[in-house]
């Protein structure tokens, strides 16, 4: 769920411009505030782990 409906492409472009390093964007359950609630944390940890492995083996 994007922060504002219909802004996924704009937010992706924004974050790509903020970093000189490649990165991966993951869609997570919840919104900007609730995505770190306990019920979503396993999904967030999995996304971060995958990203970390990509950087280490990339």
PDB file of N, CA and C in Angstrom:
ATOM      1  N   UNK A   1       0.842  -1.170   0.000  1.00  0.00           N
ATOM      2  CA  UNK A   1       0.000   0.000   0.000  1.00  0.00           C
ATOM      3  C   UNK A   1       0.889   1.236   0.000  1.00  0.00           C
ATOM      4  N   UNK A   2       0.784   2.088  -0.974  1.00  0.00           N
ATOM      5  CA  UNK A   2       1.608   3.288  -1.006  1.00  0.00           C
ATOM      6  C   UNK A   2       1.171   4.302   0.047  1.00  0.00           C
ATOM      7  N   UNK A   3       2.033   5.238   0.347  1.00  0.00           N
ATOM      8  CA  UNK A   3       1.679   6.297   1.288  1.00  0.00           C
ATOM      9  C   UNK A   3       0.449   7.029   0.773  1.00  0.00           C
ATOM     10  N   UNK A   4       0.464   7.389  -0.480  1.00  0.00           N
ATOM     11  CA  UNK A   4      -0.687   8.004  -1.134  1.00  0.00           C
ATOM     12  C   UNK A   4      -1.052   7.140  -2.328  1.00  0.00           C
ATOM     13  N   UNK A   5      -2.313   6.781  -2.482  1.00  0.00           N
ATOM     14  CA  UNK A   5      -2.703   5.910  -3.604  1.00  0.00           C
ATOM     15  C   UNK A   5      -2.222   6.447  -4.952  1.00  0.00           C
ATOM     16  N   UNK A   6      -1.711   5.533  -5.767  1.00  0.00           N
ATOM     17  CA  UNK A   6      -1.274   5.906  -7.105  1.00  0.00           C
ATOM     18  C   UNK A   6       0.107   6.516  -7.185  1.00  0.00           C
ATOM     19  N   UNK A   7       0.867   6.495  -6.089  1.00  0.00           N
ATOM     20  CA  UNK A   7       2.185   7.149  -6.087  1.00  0.00           C
ATOM     21  C   UNK A   7       3.351   6.173  -6.066  1.00  0.00           C
ATOM     22  N   UNK A   8       3.131   4.886  -6.293  1.00  0.00           N
ATOM     23  CA  UNK A   8       4.235   3.927  -6.251  1.00  0.00           C
ATOM     24  C   UNK A   8       5.373   4.315  -7.184  1.00  0.00           C
ATOM     25  N   UNK A   9       5.064   4.652  -8.429  1.00  0.00           N
ATOM     26  CA  UNK A   9       6.112   4.999  -9.401  1.00  0.00           C
ATOM     27  C   UNK A   9       6.869   6.250  -8.967  1.00  0.00           C
ATOM     28  N   UNK A  10       6.163   7.248  -8.466  1.00  0.00           N
ATOM     29  CA  UNK A  10       6.812   8.484  -8.025  1.00  0.00           C
ATOM     30  C   UNK A  10       7.721   8.241  -6.821  1.00  0.00           C
ATOM     31  N   UNK A  11       7.256   7.415  -5.878  1.00  0.00           N
ATOM     32  CA  UNK A  11       8.078   7.129  -4.706  1.00  0.00           C
ATOM     33  C   UNK A  11       9.308   6.306  -5.089  1.00  0.00           C
ATOM     34  N   UNK A  12       9.142   5.359  -5.997  1.00  0.00           N
ATOM     35  CA  UNK A  12      10.280   4.566  -6.470  1.00  0.00           C
ATOM     36  C   UNK A  12      11.303   5.480  -7.124  1.00  0.00           C
ATOM     37  N   UNK A  13      10.875   6.351  -8.005  1.00  0.00           N
ATOM     38  CA  UNK A  13      11.788   7.292  -8.664  1.00  0.00           C
ATOM     39  C   UNK A  13      12.503   8.166  -7.641  1.00  0.00           C
ATOM     40  N   UNK A  14      11.768   8.652  -6.651  1.00  0.00           N
ATOM     41  CA  UNK A  14      12.364   9.504  -5.619  1.00  0.00           C
ATOM     42  C   UNK A  14      13.497   8.775  -4.904  1.00  0.00           C
ATOM     43  N   UNK A  15      13.245   7.544  -4.428  1.00  0.00           N
ATOM     44  CA  UNK A  15      14.267   6.837  -3.665  1.00  0.00           C
ATOM     45  C   UNK A  15      15.435   6.410  -4.539  1.00  0.00           C
ATOM     46  N   UNK A  16      15.203   6.119  -5.794  1.00  0.00           N
ATOM     47  CA  UNK A  16      16.308   5.785  -6.688  1.00  0.00           C
ATOM     48  C   UNK A  16      17.225   6.982  -6.890  1.00  0.00           C
ATOM     49  N   UNK A  17      16.675   8.181  -6.871  1.00  0.00           N
ATOM     50  CA  UNK A  17      17.480   9.392  -7.027  1.00  0.00           C
ATOM     51  C   UNK A  17      18.263   9.734  -5.757  1.00  0.00           C
ATOM     52  N   UNK A  18      17.849   9.201  -4.621  1.00  0.00           N
ATOM     53  CA  UNK A  18      18.496   9.526  -3.349  1.00  0.00           C
ATOM     54  C   UNK A  18      19.746   8.705  -3.078  1.00  0.00           C
ATOM     55  N   UNK A  19      19.969   7.645  -3.820  1.00  0.00           N
ATOM     56  CA  UNK A  19      21.082   6.754  -3.544  1.00  0.00           C
ATOM     57  C   UNK A  19      21.909   6.488  -4.796  1.00  0.00           C
ATOM     58  N   UNK A  20      23.209   6.503  -4.626  1.00  0.00           N
ATOM     59  CA  UNK A  20      24.105   6.167  -5.732  1.00  0.00           C
ATOM     60  C   UNK A  20      24.260   4.645  -5.850  1.00  0.00           C
ATOM     61  N   UNK A  21      23.862   3.923  -4.811  1.00  0.00           N
ATOM     62  CA  UNK A  21      23.979   2.470  -4.802  1.00  0.00           C
ATOM     63  C   UNK A  21      22.674   1.830  -5.266  1.00  0.00           C
ATOM     64  N   UNK A  22      22.765   0.668  -5.890  1.00  0.00           N
ATOM     65  CA  UNK A  22      21.528  -0.020  -6.282  1.00  0.00           C
ATOM     66  C   UNK A  22      20.768  -0.484  -5.040  1.00  0.00           C
ATOM     67  N   UNK A  23      19.476  -0.553  -5.156  1.00  0.00           N
ATOM     68  CA  UNK A  23      18.658  -1.010  -4.047  1.00  0.00           C
ATOM     69  C   UNK A  23      17.435  -1.756  -4.572  1.00  0.00           C
ATOM     70  N   UNK A  24      16.781  -2.449  -3.668  1.00  0.00           N
ATOM     71  CA  UNK A  24      15.589  -3.209  -4.002  1.00  0.00           C
ATOM     72  C   UNK A  24      14.425  -2.656  -3.194  1.00  0.00           C
ATOM     73  N   UNK A  25      13.297  -2.502  -3.841  1.00  0.00           N
ATOM     74  CA  UNK A  25      12.103  -2.014  -3.163  1.00  0.00           C
ATOM     75  C   UNK A  25      11.178  -3.197  -2.933  1.00  0.00           C
ATOM     76  N   UNK A  26      10.703  -3.339  -1.699  1.00  0.00           N
ATOM     77  CA  UNK A  26       9.797  -4.421  -1.328  1.00  0.00           C
ATOM     78  C   UNK A  26       8.448  -3.831  -0.955  1.00  0.00           C
ATOM     79  N   UNK A  27       7.383  -4.406  -1.464  1.00  0.00           N
ATOM     80  CA  UNK A  27       6.041  -4.045  -1.020  1.00  0.00           C
ATOM     81  C   UNK A  27       5.762  -4.805   0.264  1.00  0.00           C
ATOM     82  N   UNK A  28       5.404  -4.081   1.307  1.00  0.00           N
ATOM     83  CA  UNK A  28       5.149  -4.678   2.604  1.00  0.00           C
ATOM     84  C   UNK A  28       3.695  -4.478   2.993  1.00  0.00           C
ATOM     85  N   UNK A  29       3.163  -5.365   3.830  1.00  0.00           N
ATOM     86  CA  UNK A  29       1.790  -5.168   4.284  1.00  0.00           C
ATOM     87  C   UNK A  29       1.697  -3.961   5.212  1.00  0.00           C
ATOM     88  N   UNK A  30       0.528  -3.413   5.290  1.00  0.00           N
ATOM     89  CA  UNK A  30       0.308  -2.262   6.157  1.00  0.00           C
ATOM     90  C   UNK A  30       0.584  -0.969   5.427  1.00  0.00           C
ATOM     91  N   UNK A  31       0.593   0.100   6.187  1.00  0.00           N
ATOM     92  CA  UNK A  31       0.872   1.416   5.615  1.00  0.00           C
ATOM     93  C   UNK A  31       2.203   1.921   6.167  1.00  0.00           C
ATOM     94  N   UNK A  32       2.484   3.185   5.929  1.00  0.00           N
ATOM     95  CA  UNK A  32       3.752   3.788   6.336  1.00  0.00           C
ATOM     96  C   UNK A  32       4.023   3.585   7.832  1.00  0.00           C
ATOM     97  N   UNK A  33       2.980   3.600   8.635  1.00  0.00           N
ATOM     98  CA  UNK A  33       3.136   3.512  10.083  1.00  0.00           C
ATOM     99  C   UNK A  33       2.970   2.090  10.606  1.00  0.00           C
ATOM    100  N   UNK A  34       2.064   1.317  10.043  1.00  0.00           N
ATOM    101  CA  UNK A  34       1.764  -0.002  10.596  1.00  0.00           C
ATOM    102  C   UNK A  34       2.641  -1.121  10.043  1.00  0.00           C
ATOM    103  N   UNK A  35       3.485  -0.844   9.051  1.00  0.00           N
ATOM    104  CA  UNK A  35       4.292  -1.924   8.471  1.00  0.00           C
ATOM    105  C   UNK A  35       5.283  -2.523   9.468  1.00  0.00           C
ATOM    106  N   UNK A  36       5.587  -1.813  10.547  1.00  0.00           N
ATOM    107  CA  UNK A  36       6.501  -2.346  11.559  1.00  0.00           C
ATOM    108  C   UNK A  36       5.778  -2.904  12.778  1.00  0.00           C
ATOM    109  N   UNK A  37       4.451  -3.042  12.697  1.00  0.00           N
ATOM    110  CA  UNK A  37       3.710  -3.684  13.782  1.00  0.00           C
ATOM    111  C   UNK A  37       4.166  -5.126  13.925  1.00  0.00           C
ATOM    112  N   UNK A  38       4.002  -5.675  15.107  1.00  0.00           N
ATOM    113  CA  UNK A  38       4.454  -7.039  15.391  1.00  0.00           C
ATOM    114  C   UNK A  38       3.906  -8.050  14.392  1.00  0.00           C
ATOM    115  N   UNK A  39       2.679  -7.869  13.922  1.00  0.00           N
ATOM    116  CA  UNK A  39       2.100  -8.863  13.018  1.00  0.00           C
ATOM    117  C   UNK A  39       2.775  -8.875  11.646  1.00  0.00           C
ATOM    118  N   UNK A  40       3.517  -7.831  11.303  1.00  0.00           N
ATOM    119  CA  UNK A  40       4.186  -7.750  10.001  1.00  0.00           C
ATOM    120  C   UNK A  40       5.697  -7.958  10.091  1.00  0.00           C
ATOM    121  N   UNK A  41       6.243  -8.035  11.292  1.00  0.00           N
ATOM    122  CA  UNK A  41       7.696  -7.978  11.451  1.00  0.00           C
ATOM    123  C   UNK A  41       8.426  -9.127  10.768  1.00  0.00           C
ATOM    124  N   UNK A  42       7.846 -10.328  10.730  1.00  0.00           N
ATOM    125  CA  UNK A  42       8.513 -11.442  10.060  1.00  0.00           C
ATOM    126  C   UNK A  42       8.701 -11.161   8.569  1.00  0.00           C
ATOM    127  N   UNK A  43       7.731 -10.517   7.965  1.00  0.00           N
ATOM    128  CA  UNK A  43       7.827 -10.184   6.537  1.00  0.00           C
ATOM    129  C   UNK A  43       8.887  -9.105   6.326  1.00  0.00           C
ATOM    130  N   UNK A  44       8.937  -8.125   7.219  1.00  0.00           N
ATOM    131  CA  UNK A  44       9.952  -7.068   7.125  1.00  0.00           C
ATOM    132  C   UNK A  44      11.342  -7.660   7.298  1.00  0.00           C
ATOM    133  N   UNK A  45      11.518  -8.521   8.286  1.00  0.00           N
ATOM    134  CA  UNK A  45      12.826  -9.142   8.511  1.00  0.00           C
ATOM    135  C   UNK A  45      13.251  -9.979   7.308  1.00  0.00           C
ATOM    136  N   UNK A  46      12.326 -10.702   6.720  1.00  0.00           N
ATOM    137  CA  UNK A  46      12.644 -11.495   5.539  1.00  0.00           C
ATOM    138  C   UNK A  46      13.086 -10.586   4.390  1.00  0.00           C
ATOM    139  N   UNK A  47      12.383  -9.481   4.191  1.00  0.00           N
ATOM    140  CA  UNK A  47      12.750  -8.542   3.124  1.00  0.00           C
ATOM    141  C   UNK A  47      14.145  -7.965   3.363  1.00  0.00           C
ATOM    142  N   UNK A  48      14.452  -7.604   4.586  1.00  0.00           N
ATOM    143  CA  UNK A  48      15.777  -7.054   4.895  1.00  0.00           C
ATOM    144  C   UNK A  48      16.864  -8.107   4.726  1.00  0.00           C
ATOM    145  N   UNK A  49      16.592  -9.323   5.106  1.00  0.00           N
ATOM    146  CA  UNK A  49      17.557 -10.399   4.957  1.00  0.00           C
ATOM    147  C   UNK A  49      17.852 -10.651   3.476  1.00  0.00           C
ATOM    148  N   UNK A  50      16.822 -10.689   2.652  1.00  0.00           N
ATOM    149  CA  UNK A  50      17.021 -10.883   1.224  1.00  0.00           C
ATOM    150  C   UNK A  50      17.847  -9.747   0.648  1.00  0.00           C
ATOM    151  N   UNK A  51      17.574  -8.551   1.072  1.00  0.00           N
ATOM    152  CA  UNK A  51      18.325  -7.410   0.583  1.00  0.00           C
ATOM    153  C   UNK A  51      19.784  -7.504   1.040  1.00  0.00           C
ATOM    154  N   UNK A  52      19.997  -7.882   2.282  1.00  0.00           N
ATOM    155  CA  UNK A  52      21.352  -8.018   2.796  1.00  0.00           C
ATOM    156  C   UNK A  52      22.112  -9.092   2.029  1.00  0.00           C
ATOM    157  N   UNK A  53      21.481 -10.226   1.742  1.00  0.00           N
ATOM    158  CA  UNK A  53      22.137 -11.295   0.981  1.00  0.00           C
ATOM    159  C   UNK A  53      22.482 -10.824  -0.425  1.00  0.00           C
ATOM    160  N   UNK A  54      21.605 -10.051  -1.048  1.00  0.00           N
ATOM    161  CA  UNK A  54      21.878  -9.550  -2.387  1.00  0.00           C
ATOM    162  C   UNK A  54      23.118  -8.658  -2.394  1.00  0.00           C
ATOM    163  N   UNK A  55      23.266  -7.828  -1.363  1.00  0.00           N
ATOM    164  CA  UNK A  55      24.424  -6.931  -1.281  1.00  0.00           C
ATOM    165  C   UNK A  55      25.696  -7.739  -1.035  1.00  0.00           C
ATOM    166  N   UNK A  56      25.636  -8.732  -0.129  1.00  0.00           N
ATOM    167  CA  UNK A  56      26.799  -9.526   0.202  1.00  0.00           C
ATOM    168  C   UNK A  56      27.264 -10.394  -0.965  1.00  0.00           C
ATOM    169  N   UNK A  57      26.329 -10.915  -1.743  1.00  0.00           N
ATOM    170  CA  UNK A  57      26.671 -11.807  -2.855  1.00  0.00           C
ATOM    171  C   UNK A  57      26.619 -11.126  -4.207  1.00  0.00           C
ATOM    172  N   UNK A  58      26.171  -9.846  -4.222  1.00  0.00           N
ATOM    173  CA  UNK A  58      25.941  -9.123  -5.455  1.00  0.00           C
ATOM    174  C   UNK A  58      27.150  -8.839  -6.233  1.00  0.00           C
TER     175      UNK A  58
END
